[in-house]
Amino acid sequence: MDATSTCYELRFRSLFDEGRGFSFPCDAAGHVDLDAMSERARLNYLYARTVIGREFATPAVRDLDLH
């Protein structure tokens, strides 16, 4: 990803704990760059994807460029 594609985040909201969840830098289409993630972030991302509907809601892309 280049610098212009990181103004978005993919947000996984917890189904049970308001305010909890995971968010990861992504492009406008919600694609994350696994190679650019730390090992811990990569594992958290893969975990969150695995438990969609059981622990986390379907992820949403958020625009972080709030001009």
PDB file of N, CA and C in Angstrom:
ATOM      1  N   MET A   1       0.841  -1.186   0.000  1.00  0.00           N
ATOM      2  CA  MET A   1       0.000   0.000   0.000  1.00  0.00           C
ATOM      3  C   MET A   1       0.874   1.233   0.000  1.00  0.00           C
ATOM      4  N   ASP A   2       0.433   2.269  -0.698  1.00  0.00           N
ATOM      5  CA  ASP A   2       1.161   3.515  -0.654  1.00  0.00           C
ATOM      6  C   ASP A   2       0.526   4.442   0.380  1.00  0.00           C
ATOM      7  N   ALA A   3       1.123   5.602   0.577  1.00  0.00           N
ATOM      8  CA  ALA A   3       0.657   6.509   1.624  1.00  0.00           C
ATOM      9  C   ALA A   3      -0.778   6.975   1.396  1.00  0.00           C
ATOM     10  N   THR A   4      -1.217   7.088   0.167  1.00  0.00           N
ATOM     11  CA  THR A   4      -2.575   7.567  -0.085  1.00  0.00           C
ATOM     12  C   THR A   4      -3.627   6.503   0.192  1.00  0.00           C
ATOM     13  N   SER A   5      -3.242   5.263   0.292  1.00  0.00           N
ATOM     14  CA  SER A   5      -4.230   4.208   0.503  1.00  0.00           C
ATOM     15  C   SER A   5      -4.425   3.874   1.974  1.00  0.00           C
ATOM     16  N   THR A   6      -3.701   4.508   2.866  1.00  0.00           N
ATOM     17  CA  THR A   6      -3.811   4.184   4.283  1.00  0.00           C
ATOM     18  C   THR A   6      -4.702   5.152   5.041  1.00  0.00           C
ATOM     19  N   CYS A   7      -5.524   5.915   4.358  1.00  0.00           N
ATOM     20  CA  CYS A   7      -6.432   6.825   5.049  1.00  0.00           C
ATOM     21  C   CYS A   7      -7.772   6.144   5.341  1.00  0.00           C
ATOM     22  N   TYR A   8      -7.778   4.833   5.288  1.00  0.00           N
ATOM     23  CA  TYR A   8      -8.960   4.034   5.618  1.00  0.00           C
ATOM     24  C   TYR A   8      -8.584   2.991   6.655  1.00  0.00           C
ATOM     25  N   GLU A   9      -9.592   2.546   7.395  1.00  0.00           N
ATOM     26  CA  GLU A   9      -9.365   1.437   8.308  1.00  0.00           C
ATOM     27  C   GLU A   9     -10.502   0.446   8.171  1.00  0.00           C
ATOM     28  N   LEU A  10     -10.160  -0.809   8.362  1.00  0.00           N
ATOM     29  CA  LEU A  10     -11.139  -1.884   8.380  1.00  0.00           C
ATOM     30  C   LEU A  10     -11.424  -2.161   9.849  1.00  0.00           C
ATOM     31  N   ARG A  11     -12.659  -1.921  10.255  1.00  0.00           N
ATOM     32  CA  ARG A  11     -13.025  -1.993  11.673  1.00  0.00           C
ATOM     33  C   ARG A  11     -13.895  -3.207  11.940  1.00  0.00           C
ATOM     34  N   PHE A  12     -13.439  -4.053  12.868  1.00  0.00           N
ATOM     35  CA  PHE A  12     -14.205  -5.210  13.337  1.00  0.00           C
ATOM     36  C   PHE A  12     -14.761  -4.845  14.710  1.00  0.00           C
ATOM     37  N   ARG A  13     -16.066  -4.633  14.818  1.00  0.00           N
ATOM     38  CA  ARG A  13     -16.707  -4.244  16.074  1.00  0.00           C
ATOM     39  C   ARG A  13     -17.140  -5.491  16.848  1.00  0.00           C
ATOM     40  N   SER A  14     -16.869  -5.493  18.148  1.00  0.00           N
ATOM     41  CA  SER A  14     -17.278  -6.604  18.996  1.00  0.00           C
ATOM     42  C   SER A  14     -18.798  -6.695  19.051  1.00  0.00           C
ATOM     43  N   LEU A  15     -19.325  -7.908  19.017  1.00  0.00           N
ATOM     44  CA  LEU A  15     -20.765  -8.116  19.141  1.00  0.00           C
ATOM     45  C   LEU A  15     -21.226  -8.054  20.589  1.00  0.00           C
ATOM     46  N   PHE A  16     -20.294  -8.165  21.531  1.00  0.00           N
ATOM     47  CA  PHE A  16     -20.661  -8.289  22.936  1.00  0.00           C
ATOM     48  C   PHE A  16     -20.174  -7.161  23.824  1.00  0.00           C
ATOM     49  N   ASP A  17     -19.063  -6.550  23.498  1.00  0.00           N
ATOM     50  CA  ASP A  17     -18.483  -5.504  24.335  1.00  0.00           C
ATOM     51  C   ASP A  17     -18.412  -4.193  23.565  1.00  0.00           C
ATOM     52  N   GLU A  18     -19.341  -3.296  23.861  1.00  0.00           N
ATOM     53  CA  GLU A  18     -19.387  -1.994  23.191  1.00  0.00           C
ATOM     54  C   GLU A  18     -18.044  -1.283  23.322  1.00  0.00           C
ATOM     55  N   GLY A  19     -17.553  -0.772  22.218  1.00  0.00           N
ATOM     56  CA  GLY A  19     -16.287  -0.056  22.226  1.00  0.00           C
ATOM     57  C   GLY A  19     -15.066  -0.924  21.992  1.00  0.00           C
ATOM     58  N   ARG A  20     -15.238  -2.235  21.985  1.00  0.00           N
ATOM     59  CA  ARG A  20     -14.114  -3.130  21.738  1.00  0.00           C
ATOM     60  C   ARG A  20     -14.111  -3.574  20.294  1.00  0.00           C
ATOM     61  N   GLY A  21     -12.958  -3.963  19.832  1.00  0.00           N
ATOM     62  CA  GLY A  21     -12.844  -4.468  18.479  1.00  0.00           C
ATOM     63  C   GLY A  21     -11.431  -4.326  17.974  1.00  0.00           C
ATOM     64  N   PHE A  22     -11.266  -4.524  16.707  1.00  0.00           N
ATOM     65  CA  PHE A  22      -9.976  -4.384  16.042  1.00  0.00           C
ATOM     66  C   PHE A  22     -10.152  -3.455  14.858  1.00  0.00           C
ATOM     67  N   SER A  23      -9.088  -2.732  14.529  1.00  0.00           N
ATOM     68  CA  SER A  23      -9.076  -1.954  13.294  1.00  0.00           C
ATOM     69  C   SER A  23      -7.700  -2.082  12.660  1.00  0.00           C
ATOM     70  N   PHE A  24      -7.702  -2.085  11.328  1.00  0.00           N
ATOM     71  CA  PHE A  24      -6.479  -2.301  10.564  1.00  0.00           C
ATOM     72  C   PHE A  24      -6.444  -1.336   9.389  1.00  0.00           C
ATOM     73  N   PRO A  25      -5.279  -0.800   9.054  1.00  0.00           N
ATOM     74  CA  PRO A  25      -5.169   0.068   7.873  1.00  0.00           C
ATOM     75  C   PRO A  25      -5.556  -0.722   6.624  1.00  0.00           C
ATOM     76  N   CYS A  26      -6.267  -0.049   5.724  1.00  0.00           N
ATOM     77  CA  CYS A  26      -6.699  -0.715   4.498  1.00  0.00           C
ATOM     78  C   CYS A  26      -6.869   0.319   3.393  1.00  0.00           C
ATOM     79  N   ASP A  27      -7.203  -0.159   2.194  1.00  0.00           N
ATOM     80  CA  ASP A  27      -7.525   0.752   1.096  1.00  0.00           C
ATOM     81  C   ASP A  27      -9.043   0.973   1.087  1.00  0.00           C
ATOM     82  N   ALA A  28      -9.522   1.750   0.145  1.00  0.00           N
ATOM     83  CA  ALA A  28     -10.942   2.091   0.082  1.00  0.00           C
ATOM     84  C   ALA A  28     -11.847   0.873  -0.097  1.00  0.00           C
ATOM     85  N   ALA A  29     -11.297  -0.201  -0.652  1.00  0.00           N
ATOM     86  CA  ALA A  29     -12.077  -1.421  -0.863  1.00  0.00           C
ATOM     87  C   ALA A  29     -12.011  -2.369   0.339  1.00  0.00           C
ATOM     88  N   GLY A  30     -11.255  -2.004   1.371  1.00  0.00           N
ATOM     89  CA  GLY A  30     -11.152  -2.850   2.557  1.00  0.00           C
ATOM     90  C   GLY A  30     -10.044  -3.872   2.507  1.00  0.00           C
ATOM     91  N   HIS A  31      -9.150  -3.765   1.534  1.00  0.00           N
ATOM     92  CA  HIS A  31      -8.032  -4.701   1.432  1.00  0.00           C
ATOM     93  C   HIS A  31      -6.898  -4.264   2.346  1.00  0.00           C
ATOM     94  N   VAL A  32      -6.420  -5.178   3.167  1.00  0.00           N
ATOM     95  CA  VAL A  32      -5.285  -4.886   4.048  1.00  0.00           C
ATOM     96  C   VAL A  32      -4.013  -5.462   3.432  1.00  0.00           C
ATOM     97  N   ASP A  33      -2.893  -4.884   3.795  1.00  0.00           N
ATOM     98  CA  ASP A  33      -1.589  -5.356   3.317  1.00  0.00           C
ATOM     99  C   ASP A  33      -0.979  -6.225   4.409  1.00  0.00           C
ATOM    100  N   LEU A  34      -1.191  -7.534   4.304  1.00  0.00           N
ATOM    101  CA  LEU A  34      -0.694  -8.460   5.322  1.00  0.00           C
ATOM    102  C   LEU A  34       0.815  -8.393   5.480  1.00  0.00           C
ATOM    103  N   ASP A  35       1.526  -8.142   4.392  1.00  0.00           N
ATOM    104  CA  ASP A  35       2.984  -8.081   4.451  1.00  0.00           C
ATOM    105  C   ASP A  35       3.485  -6.879   5.239  1.00  0.00           C
ATOM    106  N   ALA A  36       2.696  -5.827   5.324  1.00  0.00           N
ATOM    107  CA  ALA A  36       3.108  -4.624   6.044  1.00  0.00           C
ATOM    108  C   ALA A  36       2.760  -4.687   7.533  1.00  0.00           C
ATOM    109  N   MET A  37       1.988  -5.686   7.934  1.00  0.00           N
ATOM    110  CA  MET A  37       1.563  -5.809   9.338  1.00  0.00           C
ATOM    111  C   MET A  37       2.624  -6.480  10.187  1.00  0.00           C
ATOM    112  N   SER A  38       2.610  -6.133  11.470  1.00  0.00           N
ATOM    113  CA  SER A  38       3.438  -6.870  12.420  1.00  0.00           C
ATOM    114  C   SER A  38       2.841  -8.272  12.570  1.00  0.00           C
ATOM    115  N   GLU A  39       3.593  -9.168  13.121  1.00  0.00           N
ATOM    116  CA  GLU A  39       3.100 -10.545  13.330  1.00  0.00           C
ATOM    117  C   GLU A  39       1.851 -10.544  14.217  1.00  0.00           C
ATOM    118  N   ARG A  40       1.875  -9.749  15.272  1.00  0.00           N
ATOM    119  CA  ARG A  40       0.736  -9.686  16.186  1.00  0.00           C
ATOM    120  C   ARG A  40      -0.507  -9.134  15.482  1.00  0.00           C
ATOM    121  N   ALA A  41      -0.343  -8.055  14.713  1.00  0.00           N
ATOM    122  CA  ALA A  41      -1.471  -7.479  13.986  1.00  0.00           C
ATOM    123  C   ALA A  41      -2.025  -8.475  12.973  1.00  0.00           C
ATOM    124  N   ARG A  42      -1.142  -9.177  12.287  1.00  0.00           N
ATOM    125  CA  ARG A  42      -1.570 -10.174  11.300  1.00  0.00           C
ATOM    126  C   ARG A  42      -2.390 -11.272  11.979  1.00  0.00           C
ATOM    127  N   LEU A  43      -1.929 -11.754  13.124  1.00  0.00           N
ATOM    128  CA  LEU A  43      -2.671 -12.787  13.848  1.00  0.00           C
ATOM    129  C   LEU A  43      -4.026 -12.270  14.334  1.00  0.00           C
ATOM    130  N   ASN A  44      -4.062 -11.039  14.821  1.00  0.00           N
ATOM    131  CA  ASN A  44      -5.336 -10.439  15.247  1.00  0.00           C
ATOM    132  C   ASN A  44      -6.293 -10.294  14.075  1.00  0.00           C
ATOM    133  N   TYR A  45      -5.786  -9.875  12.930  1.00  0.00           N
ATOM    134  CA  TYR A  45      -6.615  -9.722  11.731  1.00  0.00           C
ATOM    135  C   TYR A  45      -7.187 -11.073  11.300  1.00  0.00           C
ATOM    136  N   LEU A  46      -6.348 -12.073  11.228  1.00  0.00           N
ATOM    137  CA  LEU A  46      -6.809 -13.398  10.810  1.00  0.00           C
ATOM    138  C   LEU A  46      -7.815 -13.970  11.808  1.00  0.00           C
ATOM    139  N   TYR A  47      -7.594 -13.733  13.102  1.00  0.00           N
ATOM    140  CA  TYR A  47      -8.533 -14.181  14.127  1.00  0.00           C
ATOM    141  C   TYR A  47      -9.880 -13.481  13.953  1.00  0.00           C
ATOM    142  N   ALA A  48      -9.852 -12.149  13.809  1.00  0.00           N
ATOM    143  CA  ALA A  48     -11.096 -11.384  13.678  1.00  0.00           C
ATOM    144  C   ALA A  48     -11.898 -11.862  12.471  1.00  0.00           C
ATOM    145  N   ARG A  49     -11.225 -12.124  11.362  1.00  0.00           N
ATOM    146  CA  ARG A  49     -11.923 -12.633  10.171  1.00  0.00           C
ATOM    147  C   ARG A  49     -12.572 -13.981  10.442  1.00  0.00           C
ATOM    148  N   THR A  50     -11.909 -14.801  11.225  1.00  0.00           N
ATOM    149  CA  THR A  50     -12.403 -16.150  11.510  1.00  0.00           C
ATOM    150  C   THR A  50     -13.675 -16.145  12.352  1.00  0.00           C
ATOM    151  N   VAL A  51     -13.813 -15.175  13.244  1.00  0.00           N
ATOM    152  CA  VAL A  51     -14.946 -15.188  14.173  1.00  0.00           C
ATOM    153  C   VAL A  51     -16.018 -14.143  13.849  1.00  0.00           C
ATOM    154  N   ILE A  52     -16.060 -13.701  12.590  1.00  0.00           N
ATOM    155  CA  ILE A  52     -17.143 -12.804  12.158  1.00  0.00           C
ATOM    156  C   ILE A  52     -18.474 -13.523  12.354  1.00  0.00           C
ATOM    157  N   GLY A  53     -19.394 -12.838  12.983  1.00  0.00           N
ATOM    158  CA  GLY A  53     -20.714 -13.414  13.242  1.00  0.00           C
ATOM    159  C   GLY A  53     -20.806 -14.147  14.564  1.00  0.00           C
ATOM    160  N   ARG A  54     -19.673 -14.479  15.148  1.00  0.00           N
ATOM    161  CA  ARG A  54     -19.667 -15.148  16.452  1.00  0.00           C
ATOM    162  C   ARG A  54     -19.136 -14.228  17.543  1.00  0.00           C
ATOM    163  N   GLU A  55     -18.115 -13.450  17.230  1.00  0.00           N
ATOM    164  CA  GLU A  55     -17.536 -12.522  18.200  1.00  0.00           C
ATOM    165  C   GLU A  55     -17.480 -11.088  17.679  1.00  0.00           C
ATOM    166  N   PHE A  56     -17.315 -10.956  16.362  1.00  0.00           N
ATOM    167  CA  PHE A  56     -17.241  -9.630  15.746  1.00  0.00           C
ATOM    168  C   PHE A  56     -18.279  -9.492  14.645  1.00  0.00           C
ATOM    169  N   ALA A  57     -18.740  -8.244  14.464  1.00  0.00           N
ATOM    170  CA  ALA A  57     -19.666  -7.941  13.368  1.00  0.00           C
ATOM    171  C   ALA A  57     -18.904  -7.947  12.046  1.00  0.00           C
ATOM    172  N   THR A  58     -19.634  -8.001  10.962  1.00  0.00           N
ATOM    173  CA  THR A  58     -19.022  -7.873   9.638  1.00  0.00           C
ATOM    174  C   THR A  58     -18.225  -6.572   9.619  1.00  0.00           C
ATOM    175  N   PRO A  59     -16.992  -6.607   9.172  1.00  0.00           N
ATOM    176  CA  PRO A  59     -16.163  -5.403   9.230  1.00  0.00           C
ATOM    177  C   PRO A  59     -16.672  -4.298   8.313  1.00  0.00           C
ATOM    178  N   ALA A  60     -16.369  -3.081   8.716  1.00  0.00           N
ATOM    179  CA  ALA A  60     -16.759  -1.904   7.933  1.00  0.00           C
ATOM    180  C   ALA A  60     -15.511  -1.088   7.619  1.00  0.00           C
ATOM    181  N   VAL A  61     -15.486  -0.519   6.431  1.00  0.00           N
ATOM    182  CA  VAL A  61     -14.390   0.364   6.034  1.00  0.00           C
ATOM    183  C   VAL A  61     -14.757   1.770   6.476  1.00  0.00           C
ATOM    184  N   ARG A  62     -13.833   2.402   7.192  1.00  0.00           N
ATOM    185  CA  ARG A  62     -14.042   3.783   7.641  1.00  0.00           C
ATOM    186  C   ARG A  62     -13.016   4.690   7.001  1.00  0.00           C
ATOM    187  N   ASP A  63     -13.459   5.837   6.533  1.00  0.00           N
ATOM    188  CA  ASP A  63     -12.578   6.847   5.957  1.00  0.00           C
ATOM    189  C   ASP A  63     -11.991   7.654   7.111  1.00  0.00           C
ATOM    190  N   LEU A  64     -10.677   7.650   7.247  1.00  0.00           N
ATOM    191  CA  LEU A  64     -10.028   8.373   8.325  1.00  0.00           C
ATOM    192  C   LEU A  64      -9.684   9.804   7.950  1.00  0.00           C
ATOM    193  N   ASP A  65      -9.864  10.148   6.702  1.00  0.00           N
ATOM    194  CA  ASP A  65      -9.565  11.493   6.214  1.00  0.00           C
ATOM    195  C   ASP A  65     -10.792  12.367   6.437  1.00  0.00           C
ATOM    196  N   LEU A  66     -10.884  12.959   7.617  1.00  0.00           N
ATOM    197  CA  LEU A  66     -12.082  13.687   8.024  1.00  0.00           C
ATOM    198  C   LEU A  66     -11.906  15.192   7.860  1.00  0.00           C
ATOM    199  N   HIS A  67     -11.619  15.630   6.657  1.00  0.00           N
ATOM    200  CA  HIS A  67     -11.430  17.079   6.411  1.00  0.00           C
ATOM    201  C   HIS A  67     -12.726  17.807   6.595  1.00  0.00           C
TER     202      HIS A  67
END
